[in-house]
C-alpha atoms as a PDB file:
ATOM      1  CA  UNK A   1      17.160  -0.768 -16.576  1.00  0.00           C
ATOM      2  CA  UNK A   2      14.759   1.136 -18.703  1.00  0.00           C
ATOM      3  CA  UNK A   3      11.289   1.993 -17.505  1.00  0.00           C
ATOM      4  CA  UNK A   4       9.312  -0.390 -19.398  1.00  0.00           C
ATOM      5  CA  UNK A   5      11.550  -3.239 -18.268  1.00  0.00           C
ATOM      6  CA  UNK A   6      11.351  -1.922 -14.505  1.00  0.00           C
ATOM      7  CA  UNK A   7       7.417  -2.047 -15.015  1.00  0.00           C
ATOM      8  CA  UNK A   8       7.478  -5.485 -16.451  1.00  0.00           C
ATOM      9  CA  UNK A   9       9.753  -6.930 -13.585  1.00  0.00           C
ATOM     10  CA  UNK A  10       7.547  -5.161 -11.028  1.00  0.00           C
ATOM     11  CA  UNK A  11       4.453  -6.932 -12.282  1.00  0.00           C
ATOM     12  CA  UNK A  12       6.001 -10.261 -12.372  1.00  0.00           C
ATOM     13  CA  UNK A  13       7.554  -9.954  -8.749  1.00  0.00           C
ATOM     14  CA  UNK A  14       4.201  -8.386  -7.323  1.00  0.00           C
ATOM     15  CA  UNK A  15       2.277 -10.969  -9.086  1.00  0.00           C
ATOM     16  CA  UNK A  16       4.379 -13.667  -7.576  1.00  0.00           C
ATOM     17  CA  UNK A  17       4.038 -12.171  -4.142  1.00  0.00           C
ATOM     18  CA  UNK A  18       0.227 -11.805  -4.342  1.00  0.00           C
ATOM     19  CA  UNK A  19      -0.162 -15.078  -5.658  1.00  0.00           C
ATOM     20  CA  UNK A  20       1.903 -16.504  -2.612  1.00  0.00           C
ATOM     21  CA  UNK A  21      -0.220 -14.491  -0.282  1.00  0.00           C
ATOM     22  CA  UNK A  22      -3.484 -15.805  -1.998  1.00  0.00           C
ATOM     23  CA  UNK A  23      -2.500 -19.392  -1.573  1.00  0.00           C
ATOM     24  CA  UNK A  24      -1.978 -19.285   2.121  1.00  0.00           C
ATOM     25  CA  UNK A  25      -6.065 -18.594   2.156  1.00  0.00           C
ATOM     26  CA  UNK A  26      -7.269 -21.201  -0.093  1.00  0.00           C
ATOM     27  CA  UNK A  27      -7.997 -23.614   2.650  1.00  0.00           C
ATOM     28  CA  UNK A  28      -9.553 -21.370   5.083  1.00  0.00           C
ATOM     29  CA  UNK A  29     -13.244 -20.100   5.373  1.00  0.00           C
ATOM     30  CA  UNK A  30     -15.353 -20.069   2.135  1.00  0.00           C
ATOM     31  CA  UNK A  31     -15.664 -16.264   2.294  1.00  0.00           C
ATOM     32  CA  UNK A  32     -11.933 -15.784   2.367  1.00  0.00           C
ATOM     33  CA  UNK A  33     -11.403 -18.219  -0.608  1.00  0.00           C
ATOM     34  CA  UNK A  34     -13.999 -15.974  -2.426  1.00  0.00           C
ATOM     35  CA  UNK A  35     -11.729 -13.348  -2.337  1.00  0.00           C
ATOM     36  CA  UNK A  36      -8.245 -14.774  -2.609  1.00  0.00           C
ATOM     37  CA  UNK A  37      -9.074 -17.368  -5.309  1.00  0.00           C
ATOM     38  CA  UNK A  38      -9.780 -14.693  -7.826  1.00  0.00           C
ATOM     39  CA  UNK A  39      -6.759 -12.730  -6.730  1.00  0.00           C
ATOM     40  CA  UNK A  40      -4.447 -15.713  -7.375  1.00  0.00           C
ATOM     41  CA  UNK A  41      -6.067 -15.910 -10.693  1.00  0.00           C
ATOM     42  CA  UNK A  42      -5.505 -12.180 -11.329  1.00  0.00           C
ATOM     43  CA  UNK A  43      -1.805 -12.418  -9.910  1.00  0.00           C
ATOM     44  CA  UNK A  44      -1.006 -15.086 -12.603  1.00  0.00           C
ATOM     45  CA  UNK A  45      -2.313 -13.090 -15.306  1.00  0.00           C
ATOM     46  CA  UNK A  46      -0.511  -9.993 -13.917  1.00  0.00           C
ATOM     47  CA  UNK A  47       2.709 -12.295 -14.042  1.00  0.00           C
ATOM     48  CA  UNK A  48       1.980 -13.092 -17.774  1.00  0.00           C
ATOM     49  CA  UNK A  49       1.628  -9.681 -18.639  1.00  0.00           C
ATOM     50  CA  UNK A  50      -2.329 -10.046 -19.824  1.00  0.00           C
ATOM     51  CA  UNK A  51      -4.474  -6.979 -19.877  1.00  0.00           C
ATOM     52  CA  UNK A  52      -2.373  -5.470 -16.978  1.00  0.00           C
ATOM     53  CA  UNK A  53      -4.445  -2.252 -16.514  1.00  0.00           C
ATOM     54  CA  UNK A  54      -7.699  -4.297 -16.237  1.00  0.00           C
ATOM     55  CA  UNK A  55      -5.866  -6.783 -13.811  1.00  0.00           C
ATOM     56  CA  UNK A  56      -4.275  -4.164 -11.466  1.00  0.00           C
ATOM     57  CA  UNK A  57      -7.723  -2.367 -11.518  1.00  0.00           C
ATOM     58  CA  UNK A  58      -9.399  -5.677 -10.353  1.00  0.00           C
ATOM     59  CA  UNK A  59      -6.593  -6.308  -7.914  1.00  0.00           C
ATOM     60  CA  UNK A  60      -6.966  -2.982  -6.122  1.00  0.00           C
ATOM     61  CA  UNK A  61     -10.695  -3.480  -6.006  1.00  0.00           C
ATOM     62  CA  UNK A  62      -9.921  -6.857  -4.301  1.00  0.00           C
ATOM     63  CA  UNK A  63      -7.513  -5.486  -2.041  1.00  0.00           C
ATOM     64  CA  UNK A  64     -10.049  -2.982  -0.568  1.00  0.00           C
ATOM     65  CA  UNK A  65     -12.440  -5.818  -0.281  1.00  0.00           C
ATOM     66  CA  UNK A  66      -9.906  -7.757   1.665  1.00  0.00           C
ATOM     67  CA  UNK A  67      -9.269  -4.681   4.061  1.00  0.00           C
ATOM     68  CA  UNK A  68     -12.991  -4.345   4.732  1.00  0.00           C
ATOM     69  CA  UNK A  69     -13.039  -8.299   5.383  1.00  0.00           C
ATOM     70  CA  UNK A  70     -10.189  -8.048   8.027  1.00  0.00           C
ATOM     71  CA  UNK A  71     -11.354  -4.602   9.189  1.00  0.00           C
ATOM     72  CA  UNK A  72      -7.552  -3.095   8.029  1.00  0.00           C
ATOM     73  CA  UNK A  73      -4.173  -4.383   6.907  1.00  0.00           C
ATOM     74  CA  UNK A  74      -4.164  -7.691   9.107  1.00  0.00           C
ATOM     75  CA  UNK A  75      -0.550  -8.277   7.708  1.00  0.00           C
ATOM     76  CA  UNK A  76       0.504  -4.648   8.811  1.00  0.00           C
ATOM     77  CA  UNK A  77       3.236  -3.465   6.343  1.00  0.00           C
ATOM     78  CA  UNK A  78       3.062  -6.118   4.060  1.00  0.00           C
ATOM     79  CA  UNK A  79      -0.651  -5.590   2.938  1.00  0.00           C
ATOM     80  CA  UNK A  80       0.115  -1.738   2.925  1.00  0.00           C
ATOM     81  CA  UNK A  81       3.266  -2.304   0.540  1.00  0.00           C
ATOM     82  CA  UNK A  82       1.100  -4.624  -1.661  1.00  0.00           C
ATOM     83  CA  UNK A  83      -1.699  -2.001  -2.075  1.00  0.00           C
ATOM     84  CA  UNK A  84       0.814   0.790  -2.689  1.00  0.00           C
ATOM     85  CA  UNK A  85       2.759  -1.430  -5.447  1.00  0.00           C
ATOM     86  CA  UNK A  86      -0.463  -1.937  -7.137  1.00  0.00           C
ATOM     87  CA  UNK A  87      -1.754   1.443  -7.068  1.00  0.00           C
ATOM     88  CA  UNK A  88       1.459   2.748  -8.523  1.00  0.00           C
ATOM     89  CA  UNK A  89       1.523   0.260 -11.074  1.00  0.00           C
ATOM     90  CA  UNK A  90      -1.944   1.237 -12.059  1.00  0.00           C
ATOM     91  CA  UNK A  91      -1.339   4.768 -12.135  1.00  0.00           C
ATOM     92  CA  UNK A  92       1.784   4.459 -14.259  1.00  0.00           C
ATOM     93  CA  UNK A  93      -0.090   2.075 -16.661  1.00  0.00           C
ATOM     94  CA  UNK A  94      -3.175   4.462 -17.150  1.00  0.00           C
ATOM     95  CA  UNK A  95      -1.194   7.691 -17.019  1.00  0.00           C
ATOM     96  CA  UNK A  96      -1.568   9.678 -20.193  1.00  0.00           C
ATOM     97  CA  UNK A  97       2.091  10.499 -20.997  1.00  0.00           C
ATOM     98  CA  UNK A  98       5.552   9.276 -20.187  1.00  0.00           C
ATOM     99  CA  UNK A  99       6.067  12.145 -17.851  1.00  0.00           C
ATOM    100  CA  UNK A 100       3.062  11.226 -15.363  1.00  0.00           C
ATOM    101  CA  UNK A 101       3.940   7.496 -15.842  1.00  0.00           C
ATOM    102  CA  UNK A 102       7.417   8.033 -14.311  1.00  0.00           C
ATOM    103  CA  UNK A 103       5.951  10.307 -11.862  1.00  0.00           C
ATOM    104  CA  UNK A 104       3.740   7.645 -10.499  1.00  0.00           C
ATOM    105  CA  UNK A 105       6.240   4.782 -10.672  1.00  0.00           C
ATOM    106  CA  UNK A 106       9.029   7.373  -8.976  1.00  0.00           C
ATOM    107  CA  UNK A 107       6.628   7.695  -6.277  1.00  0.00           C
ATOM    108  CA  UNK A 108       6.905   4.085  -5.594  1.00  0.00           C
ATOM    109  CA  UNK A 109      10.634   4.246  -5.309  1.00  0.00           C
ATOM    110  CA  UNK A 110      10.599   7.086  -3.024  1.00  0.00           C
ATOM    111  CA  UNK A 111       8.229   5.429  -0.811  1.00  0.00           C
ATOM    112  CA  UNK A 112      10.427   2.277  -0.746  1.00  0.00           C
ATOM    113  CA  UNK A 113      13.215   4.710   0.536  1.00  0.00           C
ATOM    114  CA  UNK A 114      11.028   6.151   3.199  1.00  0.00           C
ATOM    115  CA  UNK A 115       9.775   2.861   4.470  1.00  0.00           C
ATOM    116  CA  UNK A 116      13.482   2.154   5.461  1.00  0.00           C
ATOM    117  CA  UNK A 117      14.363   5.495   6.615  1.00  0.00           C
ATOM    118  CA  UNK A 118      11.145   5.876   8.679  1.00  0.00           C
ATOM    119  CA  UNK A 119      11.563   2.423  10.169  1.00  0.00           C
ATOM    120  CA  UNK A 120      15.168   3.356  11.388  1.00  0.00           C
ATOM    121  CA  UNK A 121      13.829   6.684  12.819  1.00  0.00           C
ATOM    122  CA  UNK A 122      10.962   5.088  14.743  1.00  0.00           C
ATOM    123  CA  UNK A 123      13.747   2.803  16.197  1.00  0.00           C
ATOM    124  CA  UNK A 124      16.158   4.986  17.105  1.00  0.00           C
ATOM    125  CA  UNK A 125      13.950   7.548  19.009  1.00  0.00           C
ATOM    126  CA  UNK A 126      12.997   4.574  20.980  1.00  0.00           C
ATOM    127  CA  UNK A 127      15.151   4.064  24.139  1.00  0.00           C
ATOM    128  CA  UNK A 128      14.339   0.186  24.114  1.00  0.00           C
ATOM    129  CA  UNK A 129      15.857  -0.102  20.694  1.00  0.00           C
ATOM    130  CA  UNK A 130      18.870   2.242  21.623  1.00  0.00           C
ATOM    131  CA  UNK A 131      19.683  -0.279  24.668  1.00  0.00           C
ATOM    132  CA  UNK A 132      19.316  -3.461  22.807  1.00  0.00           C
ATOM    133  CA  UNK A 133      16.243  -4.502  24.851  1.00  0.00           C
ATOM    134  CA  UNK A 134      13.864  -4.313  22.139  1.00  0.00           C
ATOM    135  CA  UNK A 135      15.645  -6.789  20.254  1.00  0.00           C
ATOM    136  CA  UNK A 136      16.263  -8.946  23.110  1.00  0.00           C
ATOM    137  CA  UNK A 137      12.161  -9.069  23.799  1.00  0.00           C
ATOM    138  CA  UNK A 138      11.866 -10.095  20.191  1.00  0.00           C
ATOM    139  CA  UNK A 139      14.098 -13.063  20.834  1.00  0.00           C
ATOM    140  CA  UNK A 140      12.799 -13.730  24.284  1.00  0.00           C
ATOM    141  CA  UNK A 141       9.155 -13.286  24.050  1.00  0.00           C
ATOM    142  CA  UNK A 142       8.228 -13.302  20.404  1.00  0.00           C
ATOM    143  CA  UNK A 143       5.244 -15.458  19.233  1.00  0.00           C
ATOM    144  CA  UNK A 144       6.988 -16.318  16.144  1.00  0.00           C
ATOM    145  CA  UNK A 145       8.614 -19.716  15.585  1.00  0.00           C
ATOM    146  CA  UNK A 146      12.030 -18.591  16.810  1.00  0.00           C
ATOM    147  CA  UNK A 147      14.266 -21.471  17.526  1.00  0.00           C
ATOM    148  CA  UNK A 148      15.435 -22.252  21.049  1.00  0.00           C
ATOM    149  CA  UNK A 149      19.081 -21.826  19.915  1.00  0.00           C
ATOM    150  CA  UNK A 150      18.290 -18.193  18.712  1.00  0.00           C
ATOM    151  CA  UNK A 151      16.274 -17.421  22.063  1.00  0.00           C
ATOM    152  CA  UNK A 152      19.552 -17.894  23.777  1.00  0.00           C
ATOM    153  CA  UNK A 153      20.663 -14.661  22.211  1.00  0.00           C
ATOM    154  CA  UNK A 154      19.250 -12.603  25.086  1.00  0.00           C
ATOM    155  CA  UNK A 155      22.240 -14.002  27.045  1.00  0.00           C
ATOM    156  CA  UNK A 156      24.490 -11.763  24.843  1.00  0.00           C
ATOM    157  CA  UNK A 157      23.345  -8.305  25.282  1.00  0.00           C
ATOM    158  CA  UNK A 158      26.245  -6.872  23.810  1.00  0.00           C
ATOM    159  CA  UNK A 159      25.554  -8.726  20.427  1.00  0.00           C
ATOM    160  CA  UNK A 160      21.847  -7.669  20.596  1.00  0.00           C
ATOM    161  CA  UNK A 161      23.264  -3.739  21.388  1.00  0.00           C
ATOM    162  CA  UNK A 162      25.527  -4.202  18.143  1.00  0.00           C
ATOM    163  CA  UNK A 163      22.675  -5.851  16.037  1.00  0.00           C
ATOM    164  CA  UNK A 164      20.083  -3.070  17.109  1.00  0.00           C
ATOM    165  CA  UNK A 165      22.466  -0.205  16.147  1.00  0.00           C
ATOM    166  CA  UNK A 166      23.456  -1.787  12.910  1.00  0.00           C
ATOM    167  CA  UNK A 167      19.805  -2.220  11.808  1.00  0.00           C
ATOM    168  CA  UNK A 168      18.955   1.095  12.852  1.00  0.00           C
ATOM    169  CA  UNK A 169      21.985   2.751  11.427  1.00  0.00           C
ATOM    170  CA  UNK A 170      21.560   0.964   8.103  1.00  0.00           C
ATOM    171  CA  UNK A 171      17.860   1.978   7.752  1.00  0.00           C
ATOM    172  CA  UNK A 172      18.821   5.688   8.538  1.00  0.00           C
ATOM    173  CA  UNK A 173      21.479   5.940   5.967  1.00  0.00           C
ATOM    174  CA  UNK A 174      19.558   3.960   3.086  1.00  0.00           C
ATOM    175  CA  UNK A 175      18.627   7.166   1.294  1.00  0.00           C
ATOM    176  CA  UNK A 176      22.309   7.617   0.663  1.00  0.00           C
ATOM    177  CA  UNK A 177      22.500   4.177  -1.219  1.00  0.00           C
ATOM    178  CA  UNK A 178      20.933   6.466  -4.145  1.00  0.00           C
ATOM    179  CA  UNK A 179      24.134   8.343  -4.551  1.00  0.00           C
ATOM    180  CA  UNK A 180      25.562   5.616  -6.804  1.00  0.00           C
ATOM    181  CA  UNK A 181      24.512   2.513  -8.725  1.00  0.00           C
ATOM    182  CA  UNK A 182      27.257   0.276  -6.833  1.00  0.00           C
ATOM    183  CA  UNK A 183      25.955   1.655  -3.209  1.00  0.00           C
ATOM    184  CA  UNK A 184      22.434   1.052  -4.275  1.00  0.00           C
ATOM    185  CA  UNK A 185      23.111  -2.652  -5.180  1.00  0.00           C
ATOM    186  CA  UNK A 186      25.093  -3.369  -2.013  1.00  0.00           C
ATOM    187  CA  UNK A 187      22.173  -1.767  -0.029  1.00  0.00           C
ATOM    188  CA  UNK A 188      19.717  -3.682  -1.838  1.00  0.00           C
ATOM    189  CA  UNK A 189      21.565  -7.055  -1.444  1.00  0.00           C
ATOM    190  CA  UNK A 190      21.683  -6.270   2.426  1.00  0.00           C
ATOM    191  CA  UNK A 191      17.985  -5.544   2.580  1.00  0.00           C
ATOM    192  CA  UNK A 192      16.897  -8.253   0.728  1.00  0.00           C
ATOM    193  CA  UNK A 193      19.226 -10.425   3.159  1.00  0.00           C
ATOM    194  CA  UNK A 194      17.798  -8.868   6.122  1.00  0.00           C
ATOM    195  CA  UNK A 195      14.113  -9.375   4.842  1.00  0.00           C
ATOM    196  CA  UNK A 196      15.128 -13.124   3.959  1.00  0.00           C
ATOM    197  CA  UNK A 197      16.599 -13.798   7.338  1.00  0.00           C
ATOM    198  CA  UNK A 198      13.338 -12.275   9.121  1.00  0.00           C
ATOM    199  CA  UNK A 199      11.441 -14.630   7.119  1.00  0.00           C
ATOM    200  CA  UNK A 200      13.501 -17.630   8.015  1.00  0.00           C
ATOM    201  CA  UNK A 201      13.537 -16.702  11.682  1.00  0.00           C
ATOM    202  CA  UNK A 202      10.359 -15.179  12.253  1.00  0.00           C
ATOM    203  CA  UNK A 203       8.005 -16.428   9.468  1.00  0.00           C
ATOM    204  CA  UNK A 204       7.762 -13.013   8.028  1.00  0.00           C
ATOM    205  CA  UNK A 205       7.668 -14.255   4.571  1.00  0.00           C
ATOM    206  CA  UNK A 206       5.375 -11.697   3.075  1.00  0.00           C
ATOM    207  CA  UNK A 207       7.574  -8.901   3.757  1.00  0.00           C
ATOM    208  CA  UNK A 208      10.505 -10.435   1.641  1.00  0.00           C
ATOM    209  CA  UNK A 209       8.721 -11.142  -1.352  1.00  0.00           C
ATOM    210  CA  UNK A 210       6.316  -7.641  -1.422  1.00  0.00           C
ATOM    211  CA  UNK A 211       9.502  -5.507  -0.805  1.00  0.00           C
ATOM    212  CA  UNK A 212      11.451  -7.568  -3.365  1.00  0.00           C
ATOM    213  CA  UNK A 213       8.650  -6.460  -5.683  1.00  0.00           C
ATOM    214  CA  UNK A 214       9.502  -2.757  -5.205  1.00  0.00           C
ATOM    215  CA  UNK A 215      13.387  -2.999  -5.857  1.00  0.00           C
ATOM    216  CA  UNK A 216      13.054  -2.765  -9.714  1.00  0.00           C
ATOM    217  CA  UNK A 217      11.167   0.723  -9.233  1.00  0.00           C
ATOM    218  CA  UNK A 218      14.283   2.137  -7.000  1.00  0.00           C
ATOM    219  CA  UNK A 219      16.740   0.702  -9.341  1.00  0.00           C
ATOM    220  CA  UNK A 220      15.134   2.616 -12.357  1.00  0.00           C
ATOM    221  CA  UNK A 221      14.623   5.794 -10.010  1.00  0.00           C
ATOM    222  CA  UNK A 222      18.471   5.976  -9.349  1.00  0.00           C
ATOM    223  CA  UNK A 223      19.176   5.683 -13.101  1.00  0.00           C
ATOM    224  CA  UNK A 224      16.592   7.925 -13.923  1.00  0.00           C
ATOM    225  CA  UNK A 225      18.030  10.390 -11.644  1.00  0.00           C
ATOM    226  CA  UNK A 226      21.678  10.345 -12.708  1.00  0.00           C
ATOM    227  CA  UNK A 227      20.486  10.431 -16.472  1.00  0.00           C
ATOM    228  CA  UNK A 228      19.124  14.071 -15.746  1.00  0.00           C
ATOM    229  CA  UNK A 229      22.164  15.371 -13.922  1.00  0.00           C
END
């Protein structure tokens, strides 16, 4: 995947993710619609590749306005990743030389790697995650729409223990996926499946779409690294 294609795919996927986020707010309060309707229209322009420098600039400004409206990233990591992707795209589009364009886009790839590694580190230093209790609490007490059949998994502590360590070890080892194209492709399939299952089980649909939007960056980055070796 070359640089230009990776940028274009990121624009399309990010535009789709932002459009999906914006549609959720079109039936809410009027002051929210004033923020999210323009965001939806700009996301469509981003998908179509129209005036992407101006579009990403306006999307960034709207993102800051939304942060002010909700007093921070109300949707947590998904909102932060949305702004990160927009910021890196914007920098890559306005940078004066290809070198700095690649630096900006490469930063997005590194942040994606760190997002998984740090998530695994935060879990592994938590004794509740190491024992499987944290995952048990998620299924037992979560406010998300977990089905009753899934809540019964709390009665299988060994399964939850294995699942907890499976998630932690995979996230901690994710940086090693950069060692080859095959290992990265396999890792991204696993992470996409992980985000998709979280969307189905817990309603965390925003994480699925916006993390997928950053995948072209890491695919390009891995190829770029090996091209220089």
